[in-house]
Amino acid sequence: GFDNINVDLMSALPGQTPLDWAYTLKEVIRL
């Protein structure tokens, strides 16, 4: 029944590319 949820995300990680970050954003937005 929780209808107010925050998700913490972190970008600019070691080895991360803009394409990698886009994948994480898409996955979370989908939820």
Full PDB file with SEQRES, HELIX, SHEET, SSBOND, CRYST1, ORIGX, SCALE, CONECT and MASTER records, all heavy atoms in Angstrom:
SEQRES   1 A   31  GLY PHE ASP ASN ILE ASN VAL ASP LEU MET SER ALA LEU          
SEQRES   2 A   31  PRO GLY GLN THR PRO LEU ASP TRP ALA TYR THR LEU LYS          
SEQRES   3 A   31  GLU VAL ILE ARG LEU                                          
HELIX    1 AA1 PRO A   18  ARG A   30  1                                  13    
CRYST1    1.000    1.000    1.000  90.00  90.00  90.00 P 1           1          
ORIGX1      1.000000  0.000000  0.000000        0.00000                         
ORIGX2      0.000000  1.000000  0.000000        0.00000                         
ORIGX3      0.000000  0.000000  1.000000        0.00000                         
SCALE1      1.000000  0.000000  0.000000        0.00000                         
SCALE2      0.000000  1.000000  0.000000        0.00000                         
SCALE3      0.000000  0.000000  1.000000        0.00000                         
ATOM      1  N   GLY A   1       0.765  -1.235   0.000  1.00  0.00           N  
ATOM      2  CA  GLY A   1       0.000   0.000   0.000  1.00  0.00           C  
ATOM      3  C   GLY A   1       0.796   1.285   0.000  1.00  0.00           C  
ATOM      4  O   GLY A   1       0.213   2.369   0.141  1.00  0.00           O  
ATOM      5  N   PHE A   2       2.110   1.235  -0.180  1.00  0.00           N  
ATOM      6  CA  PHE A   2       2.908   2.459  -0.203  1.00  0.00           C  
ATOM      7  C   PHE A   2       2.776   3.133  -1.569  1.00  0.00           C  
ATOM      8  O   PHE A   2       3.164   2.568  -2.590  1.00  0.00           O  
ATOM      9  CB  PHE A   2       4.366   2.158   0.120  1.00  0.00           C  
ATOM     10  CG  PHE A   2       4.595   1.896   1.578  1.00  0.00           C  
ATOM     11  CD1 PHE A   2       4.615   0.600   2.081  1.00  0.00           C  
ATOM     12  CD2 PHE A   2       4.754   2.951   2.468  1.00  0.00           C  
ATOM     13  CE1 PHE A   2       4.795   0.352   3.432  1.00  0.00           C  
ATOM     14  CE2 PHE A   2       4.931   2.716   3.832  1.00  0.00           C  
ATOM     15  CZ  PHE A   2       4.953   1.421   4.310  1.00  0.00           C  
ATOM     16  N   ASP A   3       2.236   4.347  -1.543  1.00  0.00           N  
ATOM     17  CA  ASP A   3       1.991   5.069  -2.802  1.00  0.00           C  
ATOM     18  C   ASP A   3       2.843   6.332  -2.911  1.00  0.00           C  
ATOM     19  O   ASP A   3       2.551   7.225  -3.713  1.00  0.00           O  
ATOM     20  CB  ASP A   3       0.505   5.425  -2.940  1.00  0.00           C  
ATOM     21  CG  ASP A   3       0.031   6.366  -1.834  1.00  0.00           C  
ATOM     22  OD1 ASP A   3       0.834   6.697  -0.920  1.00  0.00           O  
ATOM     23  OD2 ASP A   3      -1.145   6.777  -1.872  1.00  0.00           O  
ATOM     24  N   ASN A   4       3.886   6.416  -2.087  1.00  0.00           N  
ATOM     25  CA  ASN A   4       4.820   7.547  -2.173  1.00  0.00           C  
ATOM     26  C   ASN A   4       6.230   6.997  -1.949  1.00  0.00           C  
ATOM     27  O   ASN A   4       6.676   6.839  -0.810  1.00  0.00           O  
ATOM     28  CB  ASN A   4       4.480   8.615  -1.140  1.00  0.00           C  
ATOM     29  CG  ASN A   4       5.184   9.934  -1.418  1.00  0.00           C  
ATOM     30  OD1 ASN A   4       5.908  10.076  -2.406  1.00  0.00           O  
ATOM     31  ND2 ASN A   4       4.985  10.916  -0.542  1.00  0.00           N  
ATOM     32  N   ILE A   5       6.901   6.684  -3.047  1.00  0.00           N  
ATOM     33  CA  ILE A   5       8.212   6.035  -2.981  1.00  0.00           C  
ATOM     34  C   ILE A   5       9.233   6.859  -3.755  1.00  0.00           C  
ATOM     35  O   ILE A   5       8.992   7.260  -4.901  1.00  0.00           O  
ATOM     36  CB  ILE A   5       8.156   4.607  -3.564  1.00  0.00           C  
ATOM     37  CG1 ILE A   5       7.175   3.737  -2.760  1.00  0.00           C  
ATOM     38  CG2 ILE A   5       9.550   3.970  -3.557  1.00  0.00           C  
ATOM     39  CD1 ILE A   5       7.005   2.330  -3.310  1.00  0.00           C  
ATOM     40  N   ASN A   6      10.364   7.111  -3.114  1.00  0.00           N  
ATOM     41  CA  ASN A   6      11.508   7.729  -3.776  1.00  0.00           C  
ATOM     42  C   ASN A   6      12.513   6.649  -4.146  1.00  0.00           C  
ATOM     43  O   ASN A   6      12.672   5.659  -3.433  1.00  0.00           O  
ATOM     44  CB  ASN A   6      12.185   8.743  -2.856  1.00  0.00           C  
ATOM     45  CG  ASN A   6      13.534   9.194  -3.413  1.00  0.00           C  
ATOM     46  OD1 ASN A   6      13.607   9.812  -4.465  1.00  0.00           O  
ATOM     47  ND2 ASN A   6      14.616   8.853  -2.717  1.00  0.00           N  
ATOM     48  N   VAL A   7      13.210   6.851  -5.259  1.00  0.00           N  
ATOM     49  CA  VAL A   7      14.309   5.970  -5.657  1.00  0.00           C  
ATOM     50  C   VAL A   7      15.568   6.818  -5.802  1.00  0.00           C  
ATOM     51  O   VAL A   7      15.573   7.815  -6.526  1.00  0.00           O  
ATOM     52  CB  VAL A   7      13.997   5.236  -6.977  1.00  0.00           C  
ATOM     53  CG1 VAL A   7      15.200   4.393  -7.410  1.00  0.00           C  
ATOM     54  CG2 VAL A   7      12.770   4.345  -6.815  1.00  0.00           C  
ATOM     55  N   ASP A   8      16.615   6.431  -5.086  1.00  0.00           N  
ATOM     56  CA  ASP A   8      17.916   7.109  -5.179  1.00  0.00           C  
ATOM     57  C   ASP A   8      18.739   6.503  -6.301  1.00  0.00           C  
ATOM     58  O   ASP A   8      18.874   5.264  -6.388  1.00  0.00           O  
ATOM     59  CB  ASP A   8      18.702   6.952  -3.874  1.00  0.00           C  
ATOM     60  CG  ASP A   8      18.272   7.949  -2.813  1.00  0.00           C  
ATOM     61  OD1 ASP A   8      17.663   8.970  -3.166  1.00  0.00           O  
ATOM     62  OD2 ASP A   8      18.550   7.705  -1.626  1.00  0.00           O  
ATOM     63  N   LEU A   9      19.297   7.359  -7.147  1.00  0.00           N  
ATOM     64  CA  LEU A   9      20.153   6.924  -8.250  1.00  0.00           C  
ATOM     65  C   LEU A   9      21.472   7.686  -8.212  1.00  0.00           C  
ATOM     66  O   LEU A   9      21.543   8.807  -7.716  1.00  0.00           O  
ATOM     67  CB  LEU A   9      19.469   7.173  -9.595  1.00  0.00           C  
ATOM     68  CG  LEU A   9      18.130   6.474  -9.832  1.00  0.00           C  
ATOM     69  CD1 LEU A   9      17.547   6.894 -11.175  1.00  0.00           C  
ATOM     70  CD2 LEU A   9      18.289   4.967  -9.763  1.00  0.00           C  
ATOM     71  N   MET A  10      22.514   7.076  -8.780  1.00  0.00           N  
ATOM     72  CA  MET A  10      23.833   7.697  -8.790  1.00  0.00           C  
ATOM     73  C   MET A  10      24.462   7.547 -10.172  1.00  0.00           C  
ATOM     74  O   MET A  10      24.550   6.441 -10.710  1.00  0.00           O  
ATOM     75  CB  MET A  10      24.730   7.041  -7.731  1.00  0.00           C  
ATOM     76  CG  MET A  10      26.053   7.740  -7.520  1.00  0.00           C  
ATOM     77  SD  MET A  10      27.020   6.936  -6.205  1.00  0.00           S  
ATOM     78  CE  MET A  10      26.030   7.357  -4.780  1.00  0.00           C  
ATOM     79  N   SER A  11      24.889   8.671 -10.742  1.00  0.00           N  
ATOM     80  CA  SER A  11      25.516   8.658 -12.066  1.00  0.00           C  
ATOM     81  C   SER A  11      27.006   8.971 -11.959  1.00  0.00           C  
ATOM     82  O   SER A  11      27.529   9.218 -10.878  1.00  0.00           O  
ATOM     83  CB  SER A  11      24.839   9.688 -12.971  1.00  0.00           C  
ATOM     84  OG  SER A  11      25.030  10.996 -12.463  1.00  0.00           O  
ATOM     85  N   ALA A  12      27.677   8.962 -13.126  1.00  0.00           N  
ATOM     86  CA  ALA A  12      29.121   9.228 -13.227  1.00  0.00           C  
ATOM     87  C   ALA A  12      29.928   8.214 -12.430  1.00  0.00           C  
ATOM     88  O   ALA A  12      30.924   8.544 -11.782  1.00  0.00           O  
ATOM     89  CB  ALA A  12      29.449  10.656 -12.787  1.00  0.00           C  
ATOM     90  N   LEU A  13      29.499   6.955 -12.500  1.00  0.00           N  
ATOM     91  CA  LEU A  13      30.192   5.880 -11.790  1.00  0.00           C  
ATOM     92  C   LEU A  13      31.416   5.418 -12.588  1.00  0.00           C  
ATOM     93  O   LEU A  13      31.477   5.606 -13.809  1.00  0.00           O  
ATOM     94  CB  LEU A  13      29.244   4.691 -11.591  1.00  0.00           C  
ATOM     95  CG  LEU A  13      27.905   4.997 -10.905  1.00  0.00           C  
ATOM     96  CD1 LEU A  13      27.090   3.719 -10.769  1.00  0.00           C  
ATOM     97  CD2 LEU A  13      28.122   5.638  -9.553  1.00  0.00           C  
ATOM     98  N   PRO A  14      32.387   4.800 -11.933  1.00  0.00           N  
ATOM     99  CA  PRO A  14      33.552   4.278 -12.664  1.00  0.00           C  
ATOM    100  C   PRO A  14      33.119   3.325 -13.784  1.00  0.00           C  
ATOM    101  O   PRO A  14      32.321   2.411 -13.569  1.00  0.00           O  
ATOM    102  CB  PRO A  14      34.337   3.531 -11.578  1.00  0.00           C  
ATOM    103  CG  PRO A  14      33.941   4.196 -10.304  1.00  0.00           C  
ATOM    104  CD  PRO A  14      32.507   4.575 -10.477  1.00  0.00           C  
ATOM    105  N   GLY A  15      33.618   3.572 -14.975  1.00  0.00           N  
ATOM    106  CA  GLY A  15      33.311   2.716 -16.112  1.00  0.00           C  
ATOM    107  C   GLY A  15      31.957   2.950 -16.739  1.00  0.00           C  
ATOM    108  O   GLY A  15      31.616   2.328 -17.750  1.00  0.00           O  
ATOM    109  N   GLN A  16      31.153   3.852 -16.176  1.00  0.00           N  
ATOM    110  CA  GLN A  16      29.799   4.080 -16.683  1.00  0.00           C  
ATOM    111  C   GLN A  16      29.813   4.997 -17.911  1.00  0.00           C  
ATOM    112  O   GLN A  16      30.541   5.980 -17.958  1.00  0.00           O  
ATOM    113  CB  GLN A  16      28.932   4.713 -15.594  1.00  0.00           C  
ATOM    114  CG  GLN A  16      27.458   4.812 -15.930  1.00  0.00           C  
ATOM    115  CD  GLN A  16      26.673   5.452 -14.799  1.00  0.00           C  
ATOM    116  OE1 GLN A  16      26.972   6.569 -14.391  1.00  0.00           O  
ATOM    117  NE2 GLN A  16      25.672   4.740 -14.285  1.00  0.00           N  
ATOM    118  N   THR A  17      29.008   4.650 -18.903  1.00  0.00           N  
ATOM    119  CA  THR A  17      28.847   5.478 -20.098  1.00  0.00           C  
ATOM    120  C   THR A  17      27.469   6.142 -20.070  1.00  0.00           C  
ATOM    121  O   THR A  17      26.575   5.694 -19.325  1.00  0.00           O  
ATOM    122  CB  THR A  17      28.963   4.627 -21.368  1.00  0.00           C  
ATOM    123  OG1 THR A  17      27.819   3.748 -21.440  1.00  0.00           O  
ATOM    124  CG2 THR A  17      30.256   3.813 -21.380  1.00  0.00           C  
ATOM    125  N   PRO A  18      27.247   7.171 -20.880  1.00  0.00           N  
ATOM    126  CA  PRO A  18      25.903   7.755 -20.972  1.00  0.00           C  
ATOM    127  C   PRO A  18      24.835   6.723 -21.346  1.00  0.00           C  
ATOM    128  O   PRO A  18      23.704   6.791 -20.858  1.00  0.00           O  
ATOM    129  CB  PRO A  18      26.063   8.824 -22.059  1.00  0.00           C  
ATOM    130  CG  PRO A  18      27.489   9.263 -21.923  1.00  0.00           C  
ATOM    131  CD  PRO A  18      28.247   7.998 -21.595  1.00  0.00           C  
ATOM    132  N   LEU A  19      25.203   5.749 -22.182  1.00  0.00           N  
ATOM    133  CA  LEU A  19      24.252   4.700 -22.552  1.00  0.00           C  
ATOM    134  C   LEU A  19      23.881   3.840 -21.340  1.00  0.00           C  
ATOM    135  O   LEU A  19      22.715   3.457 -21.164  1.00  0.00           O  
ATOM    136  CB  LEU A  19      24.852   3.824 -23.652  1.00  0.00           C  
ATOM    137  CG  LEU A  19      23.896   2.856 -24.365  1.00  0.00           C  
ATOM    138  CD1 LEU A  19      22.773   3.622 -25.051  1.00  0.00           C  
ATOM    139  CD2 LEU A  19      24.655   2.000 -25.367  1.00  0.00           C  
ATOM    140  N   ASP A  20      24.862   3.539 -20.489  1.00  0.00           N  
ATOM    141  CA  ASP A  20      24.590   2.788 -19.259  1.00  0.00           C  
ATOM    142  C   ASP A  20      23.619   3.554 -18.365  1.00  0.00           C  
ATOM    143  O   ASP A  20      22.684   2.986 -17.791  1.00  0.00           O  
ATOM    144  CB  ASP A  20      25.889   2.538 -18.486  1.00  0.00           C  
ATOM    145  CG  ASP A  20      26.878   1.662 -19.231  1.00  0.00           C  
ATOM    146  OD1 ASP A  20      26.434   0.819 -20.031  1.00  0.00           O  
ATOM    147  OD2 ASP A  20      28.097   1.836 -19.020  1.00  0.00           O  
ATOM    148  N   TRP A  21      23.867   4.851 -18.213  1.00  0.00           N  
ATOM    149  CA  TRP A  21      23.014   5.685 -17.365  1.00  0.00           C  
ATOM    150  C   TRP A  21      21.597   5.778 -17.932  1.00  0.00           C  
ATOM    151  O   TRP A  21      20.615   5.717 -17.181  1.00  0.00           O  
ATOM    152  CB  TRP A  21      23.634   7.067 -17.227  1.00  0.00           C  
ATOM    153  CG  TRP A  21      22.833   8.068 -16.455  1.00  0.00           C  
ATOM    154  CD1 TRP A  21      22.390   9.284 -16.895  1.00  0.00           C  
ATOM    155  CD2 TRP A  21      22.380   7.974 -15.088  1.00  0.00           C  
ATOM    156  NE1 TRP A  21      21.702   9.949 -15.912  1.00  0.00           N  
ATOM    157  CE2 TRP A  21      21.678   9.166 -14.781  1.00  0.00           C  
ATOM    158  CE3 TRP A  21      22.505   6.992 -14.106  1.00  0.00           C  
ATOM    159  CZ2 TRP A  21      21.096   9.404 -13.534  1.00  0.00           C  
ATOM    160  CZ3 TRP A  21      21.926   7.217 -12.860  1.00  0.00           C  
ATOM    161  CH2 TRP A  21      21.234   8.407 -12.577  1.00  0.00           C  
ATOM    162  N   ALA A  22      21.481   5.845 -19.247  1.00  0.00           N  
ATOM    163  CA  ALA A  22      20.163   5.892 -19.875  1.00  0.00           C  
ATOM    164  C   ALA A  22      19.374   4.623 -19.565  1.00  0.00           C  
ATOM    165  O   ALA A  22      18.152   4.670 -19.343  1.00  0.00           O  
ATOM    166  CB  ALA A  22      20.306   6.079 -21.382  1.00  0.00           C  
ATOM    167  N   TYR A  23      20.064   3.486 -19.531  1.00  0.00           N  
ATOM    168  CA  TYR A  23      19.400   2.220 -19.207  1.00  0.00           C  
ATOM    169  C   TYR A  23      18.805   2.268 -17.799  1.00  0.00           C  
ATOM    170  O   TYR A  23      17.645   1.889 -17.585  1.00  0.00           O  
ATOM    171  CB  TYR A  23      20.391   1.068 -19.325  1.00  0.00           C  
ATOM    172  CG  TYR A  23      19.873  -0.234 -18.761  1.00  0.00           C  
ATOM    173  CD1 TYR A  23      18.932  -1.001 -19.459  1.00  0.00           C  
ATOM    174  CD2 TYR A  23      20.305  -0.703 -17.511  1.00  0.00           C  
ATOM    175  CE1 TYR A  23      18.436  -2.185 -18.932  1.00  0.00           C  
ATOM    176  CE2 TYR A  23      19.821  -1.883 -16.982  1.00  0.00           C  
ATOM    177  CZ  TYR A  23      18.886  -2.627 -17.690  1.00  0.00           C  
ATOM    178  OH  TYR A  23      18.397  -3.795 -17.166  1.00  0.00           O  
ATOM    179  N   THR A  24      19.590   2.746 -16.824  1.00  0.00           N  
ATOM    180  CA  THR A  24      19.089   2.839 -15.454  1.00  0.00           C  
ATOM    181  C   THR A  24      17.891   3.768 -15.378  1.00  0.00           C  
ATOM    182  O   THR A  24      16.869   3.443 -14.750  1.00  0.00           O  
ATOM    183  CB  THR A  24      20.204   3.321 -14.505  1.00  0.00           C  
ATOM    184  OG1 THR A  24      21.135   2.250 -14.292  1.00  0.00           O  
ATOM    185  CG2 THR A  24      19.648   3.747 -13.154  1.00  0.00           C  
ATOM    186  N   LEU A  25      17.974   4.920 -16.024  1.00  0.00           N  
ATOM    187  CA  LEU A  25      16.852   5.858 -16.008  1.00  0.00           C  
ATOM    188  C   LEU A  25      15.593   5.239 -16.608  1.00  0.00           C  
ATOM    189  O   LEU A  25      14.496   5.352 -16.048  1.00  0.00           O  
ATOM    190  CB  LEU A  25      17.220   7.129 -16.774  1.00  0.00           C  
ATOM    191  CG  LEU A  25      18.185   8.103 -16.085  1.00  0.00           C  
ATOM    192  CD1 LEU A  25      18.550   9.237 -17.028  1.00  0.00           C  
ATOM    193  CD2 LEU A  25      17.589   8.657 -14.804  1.00  0.00           C  
ATOM    194  N   LYS A  26      15.728   4.562 -17.740  1.00  0.00           N  
ATOM    195  CA  LYS A  26      14.573   3.940 -18.399  1.00  0.00           C  
ATOM    196  C   LYS A  26      13.929   2.890 -17.499  1.00  0.00           C  
ATOM    197  O   LYS A  26      12.697   2.800 -17.404  1.00  0.00           O  
ATOM    198  CB  LYS A  26      15.000   3.300 -19.717  1.00  0.00           C  
ATOM    199  CG  LYS A  26      15.298   4.302 -20.824  1.00  0.00           C  
ATOM    200  CD  LYS A  26      15.790   3.580 -22.082  1.00  0.00           C  
ATOM    201  CE  LYS A  26      16.169   4.566 -23.184  1.00  0.00           C  
ATOM    202  NZ  LYS A  26      16.743   3.874 -24.373  1.00  0.00           N  
ATOM    203  N   GLU A  27      14.757   2.086 -16.857  1.00  0.00           N  
ATOM    204  CA  GLU A  27      14.241   1.035 -15.981  1.00  0.00           C  
ATOM    205  C   GLU A  27      13.449   1.627 -14.822  1.00  0.00           C  
ATOM    206  O   GLU A  27      12.375   1.127 -14.458  1.00  0.00           O  
ATOM    207  CB  GLU A  27      15.398   0.190 -15.446  1.00  0.00           C  
ATOM    208  CG  GLU A  27      15.984  -0.768 -16.462  1.00  0.00           C  
ATOM    209  CD  GLU A  27      14.992  -1.847 -16.851  1.00  0.00           C  
ATOM    210  OE1 GLU A  27      14.591  -2.639 -15.971  1.00  0.00           O  
ATOM    211  OE2 GLU A  27      14.604  -1.913 -18.037  1.00  0.00           O  
ATOM    212  N   VAL A  28      13.964   2.678 -14.227  1.00  0.00           N  
ATOM    213  CA  VAL A  28      13.294   3.278 -13.067  1.00  0.00           C  
ATOM    214  C   VAL A  28      12.035   4.032 -13.497  1.00  0.00           C  
ATOM    215  O   VAL A  28      10.986   3.925 -12.849  1.00  0.00           O  
ATOM    216  CB  VAL A  28      14.272   4.205 -12.308  1.00  0.00           C  
ATOM    217  CG1 VAL A  28      13.538   4.969 -11.204  1.00  0.00           C  
ATOM    218  CG2 VAL A  28      15.405   3.384 -11.710  1.00  0.00           C  
ATOM    219  N   ILE A  29      12.105   4.765 -14.587  1.00  0.00           N  
ATOM    220  CA  ILE A  29      10.921   5.482 -15.089  1.00  0.00           C  
ATOM    221  C   ILE A  29       9.781   4.508 -15.369  1.00  0.00           C  
ATOM    222  O   ILE A  29       8.607   4.807 -15.114  1.00  0.00           O  
ATOM    223  CB  ILE A  29      11.283   6.280 -16.357  1.00  0.00           C  
ATOM    224  CG1 ILE A  29      12.181   7.475 -16.007  1.00  0.00           C  
ATOM    225  CG2 ILE A  29      10.024   6.758 -17.078  1.00  0.00           C  
ATOM    226  CD1 ILE A  29      12.784   8.172 -17.213  1.00  0.00           C  
ATOM    227  N   ARG A  30      10.124   3.331 -15.862  1.00  0.00           N  
ATOM    228  CA  ARG A  30       9.120   2.305 -16.174  1.00  0.00           C  
ATOM    229  C   ARG A  30       8.304   1.935 -14.932  1.00  0.00           C  
ATOM    230  O   ARG A  30       7.120   1.592 -15.029  1.00  0.00           O  
ATOM    231  CB  ARG A  30       9.833   1.074 -16.734  1.00  0.00           C  
ATOM    232  CG  ARG A  30       8.954  -0.109 -17.051  1.00  0.00           C  
ATOM    233  CD  ARG A  30       9.764  -1.217 -17.693  1.00  0.00           C  
ATOM    234  NE  ARG A  30      10.832  -1.699 -16.835  1.00  0.00           N  
ATOM    235  CZ  ARG A  30      10.662  -2.624 -15.882  1.00  0.00           C  
ATOM    236  NH1 ARG A  30       9.454  -3.141 -15.673  1.00  0.00           N  
ATOM    237  NH2 ARG A  30      11.677  -3.028 -15.161  1.00  0.00           N  
ATOM    238  N   LEU A  31       8.915   2.031 -13.753  1.00  0.00           N  
ATOM    239  CA  LEU A  31       8.240   1.666 -12.504  1.00  0.00           C  
ATOM    240  C   LEU A  31       7.360   2.785 -11.958  1.00  0.00           C  
ATOM    241  O   LEU A  31       6.544   2.555 -11.070  1.00  0.00           O  
ATOM    242  CB  LEU A  31       9.282   1.275 -11.450  1.00  0.00           C  
ATOM    243  CG  LEU A  31      10.139   0.049 -11.788  1.00  0.00           C  
ATOM    244  CD1 LEU A  31      11.266  -0.101 -10.777  1.00  0.00           C  
ATOM    245  CD2 LEU A  31       9.284  -1.219 -11.839  1.00  0.00           C  
TER     246      LEU A  31                                                      
MASTER        0    0    0    1    0    0    0    6  245    1    0    3          
END                                                                             
